[in-house]
Amino acid sequence: MDIVDAWMQHPTERMLAQDWFDSLRPWIGTEELSTALPLESTIAAMDAGGVTTGLISAWYAAEGPLVSNDEVADFVAQYPDRLVGVASVDLRQPVTAVRELRRAVRERGLRALRIVPWVWGLPPNDRRYYPLYAECVELGIPFCTQVGHTGPLRTSETGRPIPYLDDVALEFPDLTIVAGHIGYPWTAEMIALATKYPNVHIDTSAYTVRRYPPELVRYLRTNGRRKVLFGTNYPMITAEKALSDLETLALDTETTELFLNGNARRVFGLS
């Protein structure tokens, strides 16, 4: 079956050198992950997990571009039939950030914007995001973000769906939002937002199937069947590992197809 991974990154050595990776290495068993991976290893991991299309994102932080938009575009250029690029920007410089997002989409072909709130210590209803939301609407691209607690040793407060993401969805009804990492321990809040707002979606990145909260599984099986996207957070988790217990979700054929690829293709405008 065709599988789209909605949340991946192909990390550079600059990204892997960040101190916030230290708390993740023993937790996810990647103590050896300290040098840049060859792009072929990312494609091989996709193949092993049956992933045909992966959305790989840039990462910007106070330290600078840990994975730049141009690097992501160059990765995509090497495997245009397998990879889709997602932009990021420096949140502290709104005018420059809007210009960079516009350039990344119009000139380099990236297909969405991702900003991870804990990287900046700013929740998504902070005023510095708002020009970017307006630009996402104008460009016709989704805004991707992280919800829930943080694995890195940073505050989890910025990942609360309510009130932060609730405010954004209310004030930008035309903005398509994909909230990654499920939202645990506030999964019920995230489900409430996805139910309340037509353009709000959830992706399952950073979790294996066996770790999905029961309320998310119920939502996926019922009225959330068109609102939940599969994601891994590769290289922290591979698709092969994330989906190893897929049958335990007891999804029907149509829901499985929507979860693994149909919803992502619709939300991100993939052919």
C-alpha atoms as a PDB file:
ATOM      1  CA  MET A   1       0.000   0.000   0.000  1.00  0.00           C
ATOM      2  CA  ASP A   2       1.072   3.544  -0.765  1.00  0.00           C
ATOM      3  CA  ILE A   3       2.262   5.294   2.441  1.00  0.00           C
ATOM      4  CA  VAL A   4       2.936   9.001   2.959  1.00  0.00           C
ATOM      5  CA  ASP A   5       5.027  10.012   5.976  1.00  0.00           C
ATOM      6  CA  ALA A   6       3.831  13.471   7.019  1.00  0.00           C
ATOM      7  CA  TRP A   7       6.692  14.322   9.418  1.00  0.00           C
ATOM      8  CA  MET A   8      10.299  13.515   8.604  1.00  0.00           C
ATOM      9  CA  GLN A   9      13.611  15.293   8.579  1.00  0.00           C
ATOM     10  CA  HIS A  10      16.925  14.442   6.999  1.00  0.00           C
ATOM     11  CA  PRO A  11      19.230  15.877   9.682  1.00  0.00           C
ATOM     12  CA  THR A  12      22.501  17.652   9.117  1.00  0.00           C
ATOM     13  CA  GLU A  13      25.442  17.469  11.523  1.00  0.00           C
ATOM     14  CA  ARG A  14      24.463  20.971  12.701  1.00  0.00           C
ATOM     15  CA  MET A  15      21.085  19.657  13.780  1.00  0.00           C
ATOM     16  CA  LEU A  16      22.450  16.528  15.420  1.00  0.00           C
ATOM     17  CA  ALA A  17      24.973  18.595  17.385  1.00  0.00           C
ATOM     18  CA  GLN A  18      22.253  20.416  19.342  1.00  0.00           C
ATOM     19  CA  ASP A  19      22.210  19.693  23.071  1.00  0.00           C
ATOM     20  CA  TRP A  20      18.489  18.985  23.015  1.00  0.00           C
ATOM     21  CA  PHE A  21      19.268  15.744  21.151  1.00  0.00           C
ATOM     22  CA  ASP A  22      21.057  14.388  24.219  1.00  0.00           C
ATOM     23  CA  SER A  23      17.850  13.541  26.075  1.00  0.00           C
ATOM     24  CA  LEU A  24      16.448  11.796  22.991  1.00  0.00           C
ATOM     25  CA  ARG A  25      19.319   9.410  22.253  1.00  0.00           C
ATOM     26  CA  PRO A  26      18.796   6.899  25.100  1.00  0.00           C
ATOM     27  CA  TRP A  27      15.010   7.237  24.891  1.00  0.00           C
ATOM     28  CA  ILE A  28      14.813   6.224  21.255  1.00  0.00           C
ATOM     29  CA  GLY A  29      17.941   4.094  21.072  1.00  0.00           C
ATOM     30  CA  THR A  30      19.918   6.333  18.749  1.00  0.00           C
ATOM     31  CA  GLU A  31      23.043   6.936  20.790  1.00  0.00           C
ATOM     32  CA  GLU A  32      25.054   6.382  17.630  1.00  0.00           C
ATOM     33  CA  LEU A  33      23.152   9.072  15.717  1.00  0.00           C
ATOM     34  CA  SER A  34      25.707  11.860  15.855  1.00  0.00           C
ATOM     35  CA  THR A  35      26.869  12.389  12.277  1.00  0.00           C
ATOM     36  CA  ALA A  36      24.931  13.321   9.189  1.00  0.00           C
ATOM     37  CA  LEU A  37      23.177  10.432   7.478  1.00  0.00           C
ATOM     38  CA  PRO A  38      23.650   9.887   3.755  1.00  0.00           C
ATOM     39  CA  LEU A  39      20.444  10.709   1.927  1.00  0.00           C
ATOM     40  CA  GLU A  40      20.404   7.155   0.606  1.00  0.00           C
ATOM     41  CA  SER A  41      19.926   5.860   4.160  1.00  0.00           C
ATOM     42  CA  THR A  42      16.752   7.920   4.510  1.00  0.00           C
ATOM     43  CA  ILE A  43      15.414   6.526   1.250  1.00  0.00           C
ATOM     44  CA  ALA A  44      16.370   3.003   2.370  1.00  0.00           C
ATOM     45  CA  ALA A  45      14.488   3.484   5.651  1.00  0.00           C
ATOM     46  CA  MET A  46      11.458   4.643   3.679  1.00  0.00           C
ATOM     47  CA  ASP A  47      11.696   1.562   1.485  1.00  0.00           C
ATOM     48  CA  ALA A  48      11.921  -0.724   4.513  1.00  0.00           C
ATOM     49  CA  GLY A  49       8.743   0.785   5.941  1.00  0.00           C
ATOM     50  CA  GLY A  50       6.829   0.900   2.672  1.00  0.00           C
ATOM     51  CA  VAL A  51       6.859   4.713   2.532  1.00  0.00           C
ATOM     52  CA  THR A  52       6.573   5.990  -1.024  1.00  0.00           C
ATOM     53  CA  THR A  53       6.505   9.720  -0.187  1.00  0.00           C
ATOM     54  CA  GLY A  54       8.152  11.512   2.733  1.00  0.00           C
ATOM     55  CA  LEU A  55       7.715  15.134   3.752  1.00  0.00           C
ATOM     56  CA  ILE A  56      11.119  16.314   4.969  1.00  0.00           C
ATOM     57  CA  SER A  57      11.411  19.620   6.782  1.00  0.00           C
ATOM     58  CA  ALA A  58      13.913  22.382   7.281  1.00  0.00           C
ATOM     59  CA  TRP A  59      14.767  23.334  10.874  1.00  0.00           C
ATOM     60  CA  TYR A  60      15.493  26.893  11.973  1.00  0.00           C
ATOM     61  CA  ALA A  61      16.444  27.866  15.528  1.00  0.00           C
ATOM     62  CA  ALA A  62      18.115  30.703  17.402  1.00  0.00           C
ATOM     63  CA  GLU A  63      21.436  29.106  16.450  1.00  0.00           C
ATOM     64  CA  GLY A  64      20.577  29.563  12.772  1.00  0.00           C
ATOM     65  CA  PRO A  65      19.389  27.174  10.068  1.00  0.00           C
ATOM     66  CA  LEU A  66      20.072  23.668  11.365  1.00  0.00           C
ATOM     67  CA  VAL A  67      18.662  22.323   8.105  1.00  0.00           C
ATOM     68  CA  SER A  68      18.155  25.147   5.626  1.00  0.00           C
ATOM     69  CA  ASN A  69      15.357  25.480   3.106  1.00  0.00           C
ATOM     70  CA  ASP A  70      17.884  25.261   0.305  1.00  0.00           C
ATOM     71  CA  GLU A  71      19.344  22.060   1.731  1.00  0.00           C
ATOM     72  CA  VAL A  72      15.864  20.545   1.861  1.00  0.00           C
ATOM     73  CA  ALA A  73      15.170  21.640  -1.718  1.00  0.00           C
ATOM     74  CA  ASP A  74      18.452  20.053  -2.798  1.00  0.00           C
ATOM     75  CA  PHE A  75      17.521  16.797  -1.036  1.00  0.00           C
ATOM     76  CA  VAL A  76      14.195  16.790  -2.862  1.00  0.00           C
ATOM     77  CA  ALA A  77      15.934  17.455  -6.178  1.00  0.00           C
ATOM     78  CA  GLN A  78      17.898  14.224  -5.725  1.00  0.00           C
ATOM     79  CA  TYR A  79      14.737  12.162  -5.140  1.00  0.00           C
ATOM     80  CA  PRO A  80      11.852  14.211  -6.582  1.00  0.00           C
ATOM     81  CA  ASP A  81       9.592  11.190  -6.835  1.00  0.00           C
ATOM     82  CA  ARG A  82      10.078  10.261  -3.151  1.00  0.00           C
ATOM     83  CA  LEU A  83      10.570  13.458  -1.160  1.00  0.00           C
ATOM     84  CA  VAL A  84       8.473  16.594  -0.620  1.00  0.00           C
ATOM     85  CA  GLY A  85      10.034  19.640   1.020  1.00  0.00           C
ATOM     86  CA  VAL A  86       8.677  21.548   4.010  1.00  0.00           C
ATOM     87  CA  ALA A  87      10.038  25.010   4.815  1.00  0.00           C
ATOM     88  CA  SER A  88      10.967  26.611   8.111  1.00  0.00           C
ATOM     89  CA  VAL A  89      12.033  30.166   9.041  1.00  0.00           C
ATOM     90  CA  ASP A  90      13.551  32.313  11.782  1.00  0.00           C
ATOM     91  CA  LEU A  91      10.542  33.257  13.871  1.00  0.00           C
ATOM     92  CA  ARG A  92      12.258  36.259  15.468  1.00  0.00           C
ATOM     93  CA  GLN A  93      12.360  38.254  12.218  1.00  0.00           C
ATOM     94  CA  PRO A  94       8.789  38.356  10.870  1.00  0.00           C
ATOM     95  CA  VAL A  95       9.391  40.387   7.705  1.00  0.00           C
ATOM     96  CA  THR A  96      12.482  38.409   6.729  1.00  0.00           C
ATOM     97  CA  ALA A  97      10.663  35.192   7.648  1.00  0.00           C
ATOM     98  CA  VAL A  98       7.752  35.962   5.324  1.00  0.00           C
ATOM     99  CA  ARG A  99      10.127  36.767   2.484  1.00  0.00           C
ATOM    100  CA  GLU A 100      12.080  33.560   3.072  1.00  0.00           C
ATOM    101  CA  LEU A 101       8.907  31.468   3.170  1.00  0.00           C
ATOM    102  CA  ARG A 102       7.718  33.047  -0.069  1.00  0.00           C
ATOM    103  CA  ARG A 103      11.097  32.352  -1.704  1.00  0.00           C
ATOM    104  CA  ALA A 104      11.232  28.769  -0.432  1.00  0.00           C
ATOM    105  CA  VAL A 105       7.791  27.998  -1.836  1.00  0.00           C
ATOM    106  CA  ARG A 106       7.838  29.965  -5.079  1.00  0.00           C
ATOM    107  CA  GLU A 107      11.485  29.497  -6.081  1.00  0.00           C
ATOM    108  CA  ARG A 108      12.499  26.224  -4.405  1.00  0.00           C
ATOM    109  CA  GLY A 109       9.196  24.352  -4.570  1.00  0.00           C
ATOM    110  CA  LEU A 110       8.644  23.605  -0.865  1.00  0.00           C
ATOM    111  CA  ARG A 111       5.082  22.634  -0.031  1.00  0.00           C
ATOM    112  CA  ALA A 112       4.363  23.607   3.590  1.00  0.00           C
ATOM    113  CA  LEU A 113       5.728  25.511   6.595  1.00  0.00           C
ATOM    114  CA  ARG A 114       6.751  23.842   9.838  1.00  0.00           C
ATOM    115  CA  ILE A 115       7.575  25.670  13.057  1.00  0.00           C
ATOM    116  CA  VAL A 116       8.210  23.756  16.294  1.00  0.00           C
ATOM    117  CA  PRO A 117       7.133  26.015  19.202  1.00  0.00           C
ATOM    118  CA  TRP A 118       9.469  24.643  21.875  1.00  0.00           C
ATOM    119  CA  VAL A 119      12.483  25.545  19.724  1.00  0.00           C
ATOM    120  CA  TRP A 120      11.556  29.213  20.161  1.00  0.00           C
ATOM    121  CA  GLY A 121       9.821  29.086  23.541  1.00  0.00           C
ATOM    122  CA  LEU A 122       6.833  30.773  21.895  1.00  0.00           C
ATOM    123  CA  PRO A 123       3.350  29.232  21.606  1.00  0.00           C
ATOM    124  CA  PRO A 124       1.638  29.355  18.195  1.00  0.00           C
ATOM    125  CA  ASN A 125      -0.663  32.237  19.155  1.00  0.00           C
ATOM    126  CA  ASP A 126       2.325  34.541  19.664  1.00  0.00           C
ATOM    127  CA  ARG A 127       2.144  37.624  17.441  1.00  0.00           C
ATOM    128  CA  ARG A 128       5.374  36.673  15.640  1.00  0.00           C
ATOM    129  CA  TYR A 129       3.664  33.757  13.921  1.00  0.00           C
ATOM    130  CA  TYR A 130       0.749  35.731  12.543  1.00  0.00           C
ATOM    131  CA  PRO A 131       2.336  37.228   9.395  1.00  0.00           C
ATOM    132  CA  LEU A 132       3.430  33.706   8.485  1.00  0.00           C
ATOM    133  CA  TYR A 133      -0.088  32.358   8.875  1.00  0.00           C
ATOM    134  CA  ALA A 134      -1.396  35.010   6.507  1.00  0.00           C
ATOM    135  CA  GLU A 135       1.350  34.144   4.010  1.00  0.00           C
ATOM    136  CA  CYS A 136       0.542  30.415   4.249  1.00  0.00           C
ATOM    137  CA  VAL A 137      -3.045  31.215   3.318  1.00  0.00           C
ATOM    138  CA  GLU A 138      -1.908  33.358   0.386  1.00  0.00           C
ATOM    139  CA  LEU A 139       0.498  30.657  -0.818  1.00  0.00           C
ATOM    140  CA  GLY A 140      -2.082  27.905  -0.312  1.00  0.00           C
ATOM    141  CA  ILE A 141       0.168  25.765   1.900  1.00  0.00           C
ATOM    142  CA  PRO A 142      -0.422  24.031   5.264  1.00  0.00           C
ATOM    143  CA  PHE A 143       1.125  25.141   8.531  1.00  0.00           C
ATOM    144  CA  CYS A 144       2.672  22.235  10.444  1.00  0.00           C
ATOM    145  CA  THR A 145       3.513  22.401  14.136  1.00  0.00           C
ATOM    146  CA  GLN A 146       4.162  20.265  17.206  1.00  0.00           C
ATOM    147  CA  VAL A 147       1.667  19.657  20.004  1.00  0.00           C
ATOM    148  CA  GLY A 148       2.046  17.816  23.298  1.00  0.00           C
ATOM    149  CA  HIS A 149       4.961  17.411  25.652  1.00  0.00           C
ATOM    150  CA  THR A 150       8.565  17.727  24.512  1.00  0.00           C
ATOM    151  CA  GLY A 151      11.079  14.897  24.468  1.00  0.00           C
ATOM    152  CA  PRO A 152      13.960  17.398  24.562  1.00  0.00           C
ATOM    153  CA  LEU A 153      14.562  19.152  27.879  1.00  0.00           C
ATOM    154  CA  ARG A 154      12.529  22.223  26.971  1.00  0.00           C
ATOM    155  CA  THR A 155       9.209  23.488  28.304  1.00  0.00           C
ATOM    156  CA  SER A 156       6.132  21.565  27.196  1.00  0.00           C
ATOM    157  CA  GLU A 157       3.801  24.503  27.790  1.00  0.00           C
ATOM    158  CA  THR A 158       4.091  25.731  24.198  1.00  0.00           C
ATOM    159  CA  GLY A 159       2.633  22.408  23.006  1.00  0.00           C
ATOM    160  CA  ARG A 160      -0.750  22.774  24.689  1.00  0.00           C
ATOM    161  CA  PRO A 161      -3.475  22.685  22.012  1.00  0.00           C
ATOM    162  CA  ILE A 162      -5.866  24.791  24.122  1.00  0.00           C
ATOM    163  CA  PRO A 163      -5.660  27.769  24.248  1.00  0.00           C
ATOM    164  CA  TYR A 164      -2.711  28.284  21.900  1.00  0.00           C
ATOM    165  CA  LEU A 165      -3.623  26.394  18.730  1.00  0.00           C
ATOM    166  CA  ASP A 166      -7.308  26.995  19.412  1.00  0.00           C
ATOM    167  CA  ASP A 167      -6.699  30.739  19.085  1.00  0.00           C
ATOM    168  CA  VAL A 168      -4.888  30.286  15.779  1.00  0.00           C
ATOM    169  CA  ALA A 169      -7.580  28.087  14.232  1.00  0.00           C
ATOM    170  CA  LEU A 170     -10.270  30.531  15.358  1.00  0.00           C
ATOM    171  CA  GLU A 171      -8.518  33.603  13.954  1.00  0.00           C
ATOM    172  CA  PHE A 172      -7.317  31.954  10.715  1.00  0.00           C
ATOM    173  CA  PRO A 173     -10.220  29.829   9.454  1.00  0.00           C
ATOM    174  CA  ASP A 174      -8.621  29.556   5.996  1.00  0.00           C
ATOM    175  CA  LEU A 175      -5.343  28.201   7.362  1.00  0.00           C
ATOM    176  CA  THR A 176      -4.780  24.459   7.027  1.00  0.00           C
ATOM    177  CA  ILE A 177      -3.093  23.208  10.211  1.00  0.00           C
ATOM    178  CA  VAL A 178      -1.363  19.865  10.738  1.00  0.00           C
ATOM    179  CA  ALA A 179      -0.503  19.270  14.400  1.00  0.00           C
ATOM    180  CA  GLY A 180       2.207  16.657  14.805  1.00  0.00           C
ATOM    181  CA  HIS A 181       3.099  14.407  17.750  1.00  0.00           C
ATOM    182  CA  ILE A 182      -0.519  13.653  18.736  1.00  0.00           C
ATOM    183  CA  GLY A 183      -0.714  16.157  21.610  1.00  0.00           C
ATOM    184  CA  TYR A 184      -0.161  13.773  24.519  1.00  0.00           C
ATOM    185  CA  PRO A 185      -0.912  14.300  27.412  1.00  0.00           C
ATOM    186  CA  TRP A 186      -3.512  16.696  25.949  1.00  0.00           C
ATOM    187  CA  THR A 187      -4.683  14.359  23.177  1.00  0.00           C
ATOM    188  CA  ALA A 188      -8.343  14.943  24.036  1.00  0.00           C
ATOM    189  CA  GLU A 189      -7.787  18.682  23.547  1.00  0.00           C
ATOM    190  CA  MET A 190      -6.204  18.059  20.163  1.00  0.00           C
ATOM    191  CA  ILE A 191      -9.069  15.824  19.096  1.00  0.00           C
ATOM    192  CA  ALA A 192     -11.504  18.520  20.220  1.00  0.00           C
ATOM    193  CA  LEU A 193      -9.784  21.049  17.951  1.00  0.00           C
ATOM    194  CA  ALA A 194      -9.670  18.676  14.983  1.00  0.00           C
ATOM    195  CA  THR A 195     -13.390  18.040  15.490  1.00  0.00           C
ATOM    196  CA  LYS A 196     -14.219  21.728  15.935  1.00  0.00           C
ATOM    197  CA  TYR A 197     -12.274  23.135  12.985  1.00  0.00           C
ATOM    198  CA  PRO A 198     -12.544  21.724   9.438  1.00  0.00           C
ATOM    199  CA  ASN A 199      -8.962  22.673   8.559  1.00  0.00           C
ATOM    200  CA  VAL A 200      -7.229  21.233  11.653  1.00  0.00           C
ATOM    201  CA  HIS A 201      -5.594  17.808  11.402  1.00  0.00           C
ATOM    202  CA  ILE A 202      -3.444  15.548  13.582  1.00  0.00           C
ATOM    203  CA  ASP A 203      -0.382  13.571  12.572  1.00  0.00           C
ATOM    204  CA  THR A 204       0.943  10.630  14.568  1.00  0.00           C
ATOM    205  CA  SER A 205       4.664  11.423  14.388  1.00  0.00           C
ATOM    206  CA  ALA A 206       6.927  10.532  17.311  1.00  0.00           C
ATOM    207  CA  TYR A 207       4.693   7.590  18.296  1.00  0.00           C
ATOM    208  CA  THR A 208       4.564   3.939  17.324  1.00  0.00           C
ATOM    209  CA  VAL A 209       1.152   2.400  16.751  1.00  0.00           C
ATOM    210  CA  ARG A 210       1.255   0.577  20.098  1.00  0.00           C
ATOM    211  CA  ARG A 211       1.693   3.921  21.893  1.00  0.00           C
ATOM    212  CA  TYR A 212      -1.271   5.725  20.323  1.00  0.00           C
ATOM    213  CA  PRO A 213      -3.569   6.927  23.128  1.00  0.00           C
ATOM    214  CA  PRO A 214      -6.911   5.052  23.181  1.00  0.00           C
ATOM    215  CA  GLU A 215      -8.873   8.235  22.523  1.00  0.00           C
ATOM    216  CA  LEU A 216      -6.915   8.824  19.311  1.00  0.00           C
ATOM    217  CA  VAL A 217      -7.557   5.267  18.122  1.00  0.00           C
ATOM    218  CA  ARG A 218     -11.299   5.729  18.746  1.00  0.00           C
ATOM    219  CA  TYR A 219     -11.233   9.026  16.836  1.00  0.00           C
ATOM    220  CA  LEU A 220      -9.301   7.477  13.952  1.00  0.00           C
ATOM    221  CA  ARG A 221     -11.825   4.653  13.672  1.00  0.00           C
ATOM    222  CA  THR A 222     -14.862   6.964  13.689  1.00  0.00           C
ATOM    223  CA  ASN A 223     -15.392  10.661  12.932  1.00  0.00           C
ATOM    224  CA  GLY A 224     -11.662  11.362  12.703  1.00  0.00           C
ATOM    225  CA  ARG A 225     -10.984   9.023   9.804  1.00  0.00           C
ATOM    226  CA  ARG A 226     -10.368  12.010   7.490  1.00  0.00           C
ATOM    227  CA  LYS A 227      -8.475  14.075  10.059  1.00  0.00           C
ATOM    228  CA  VAL A 228      -5.517  11.871  11.122  1.00  0.00           C
ATOM    229  CA  LEU A 229      -2.297  11.534   9.083  1.00  0.00           C
ATOM    230  CA  PHE A 230       0.492   9.019   9.548  1.00  0.00           C
ATOM    231  CA  GLY A 231       3.909  10.395  10.492  1.00  0.00           C
ATOM    232  CA  THR A 232       7.103   9.051  12.055  1.00  0.00           C
ATOM    233  CA  ASN A 233       9.479  11.852  13.123  1.00  0.00           C
ATOM    234  CA  TYR A 234      12.241  10.001  11.270  1.00  0.00           C
ATOM    235  CA  PRO A 235      15.116   9.445  12.034  1.00  0.00           C
ATOM    236  CA  MET A 236      13.930   9.250  15.654  1.00  0.00           C
ATOM    237  CA  ILE A 237      11.438   6.532  14.649  1.00  0.00           C
ATOM    238  CA  THR A 238      11.366   4.618  11.371  1.00  0.00           C
ATOM    239  CA  ALA A 239       8.171   3.777   9.525  1.00  0.00           C
ATOM    240  CA  GLU A 240       8.955   0.079   9.840  1.00  0.00           C
ATOM    241  CA  LYS A 241       8.995   0.394  13.635  1.00  0.00           C
ATOM    242  CA  ALA A 242       6.080   2.826  13.847  1.00  0.00           C
ATOM    243  CA  LEU A 243       3.759   0.590  11.811  1.00  0.00           C
ATOM    244  CA  SER A 244       4.832  -2.814  13.114  1.00  0.00           C
ATOM    245  CA  ASP A 245       1.537  -3.241  15.024  1.00  0.00           C
ATOM    246  CA  LEU A 246      -0.775  -1.586  12.497  1.00  0.00           C
ATOM    247  CA  GLU A 247      -3.240  -4.480  12.529  1.00  0.00           C
ATOM    248  CA  THR A 248      -3.985  -3.856  16.222  1.00  0.00           C
ATOM    249  CA  LEU A 249      -5.765  -0.627  15.266  1.00  0.00           C
ATOM    250  CA  ALA A 250      -8.461  -2.757  13.584  1.00  0.00           C
ATOM    251  CA  LEU A 251      -9.086  -0.188  10.849  1.00  0.00           C
ATOM    252  CA  ASP A 252     -11.251  -1.002   7.849  1.00  0.00           C
ATOM    253  CA  THR A 253      -9.686  -0.828   4.386  1.00  0.00           C
ATOM    254  CA  GLU A 254     -10.893   2.675   3.538  1.00  0.00           C
ATOM    255  CA  THR A 255      -9.803   4.144   6.876  1.00  0.00           C
ATOM    256  CA  THR A 256      -6.387   2.493   6.557  1.00  0.00           C
ATOM    257  CA  GLU A 257      -5.938   4.062   3.121  1.00  0.00           C
ATOM    258  CA  LEU A 258      -6.980   7.486   4.371  1.00  0.00           C
ATOM    259  CA  PHE A 259      -4.696   7.268   7.390  1.00  0.00           C
ATOM    260  CA  LEU A 260      -1.623   6.047   5.533  1.00  0.00           C
ATOM    261  CA  ASN A 261      -1.837   8.223   2.426  1.00  0.00           C
ATOM    262  CA  GLY A 262      -5.197   9.662   1.363  1.00  0.00           C
ATOM    263  CA  ASN A 263      -5.456  12.336   4.047  1.00  0.00           C
ATOM    264  CA  ALA A 264      -1.868  13.500   3.573  1.00  0.00           C
ATOM    265  CA  ARG A 265      -2.248  13.664  -0.207  1.00  0.00           C
ATOM    266  CA  ARG A 266      -5.392  15.779   0.156  1.00  0.00           C
ATOM    267  CA  VAL A 267      -4.034  18.095   2.879  1.00  0.00           C
ATOM    268  CA  PHE A 268      -0.649  18.717   1.228  1.00  0.00           C
ATOM    269  CA  GLY A 269      -1.977  18.735  -2.328  1.00  0.00           C
ATOM    270  CA  LEU A 270       0.116  15.788  -3.455  1.00  0.00           C
ATOM    271  CA  SER A 271      -0.625  14.008  -6.708  1.00  0.00           C
END
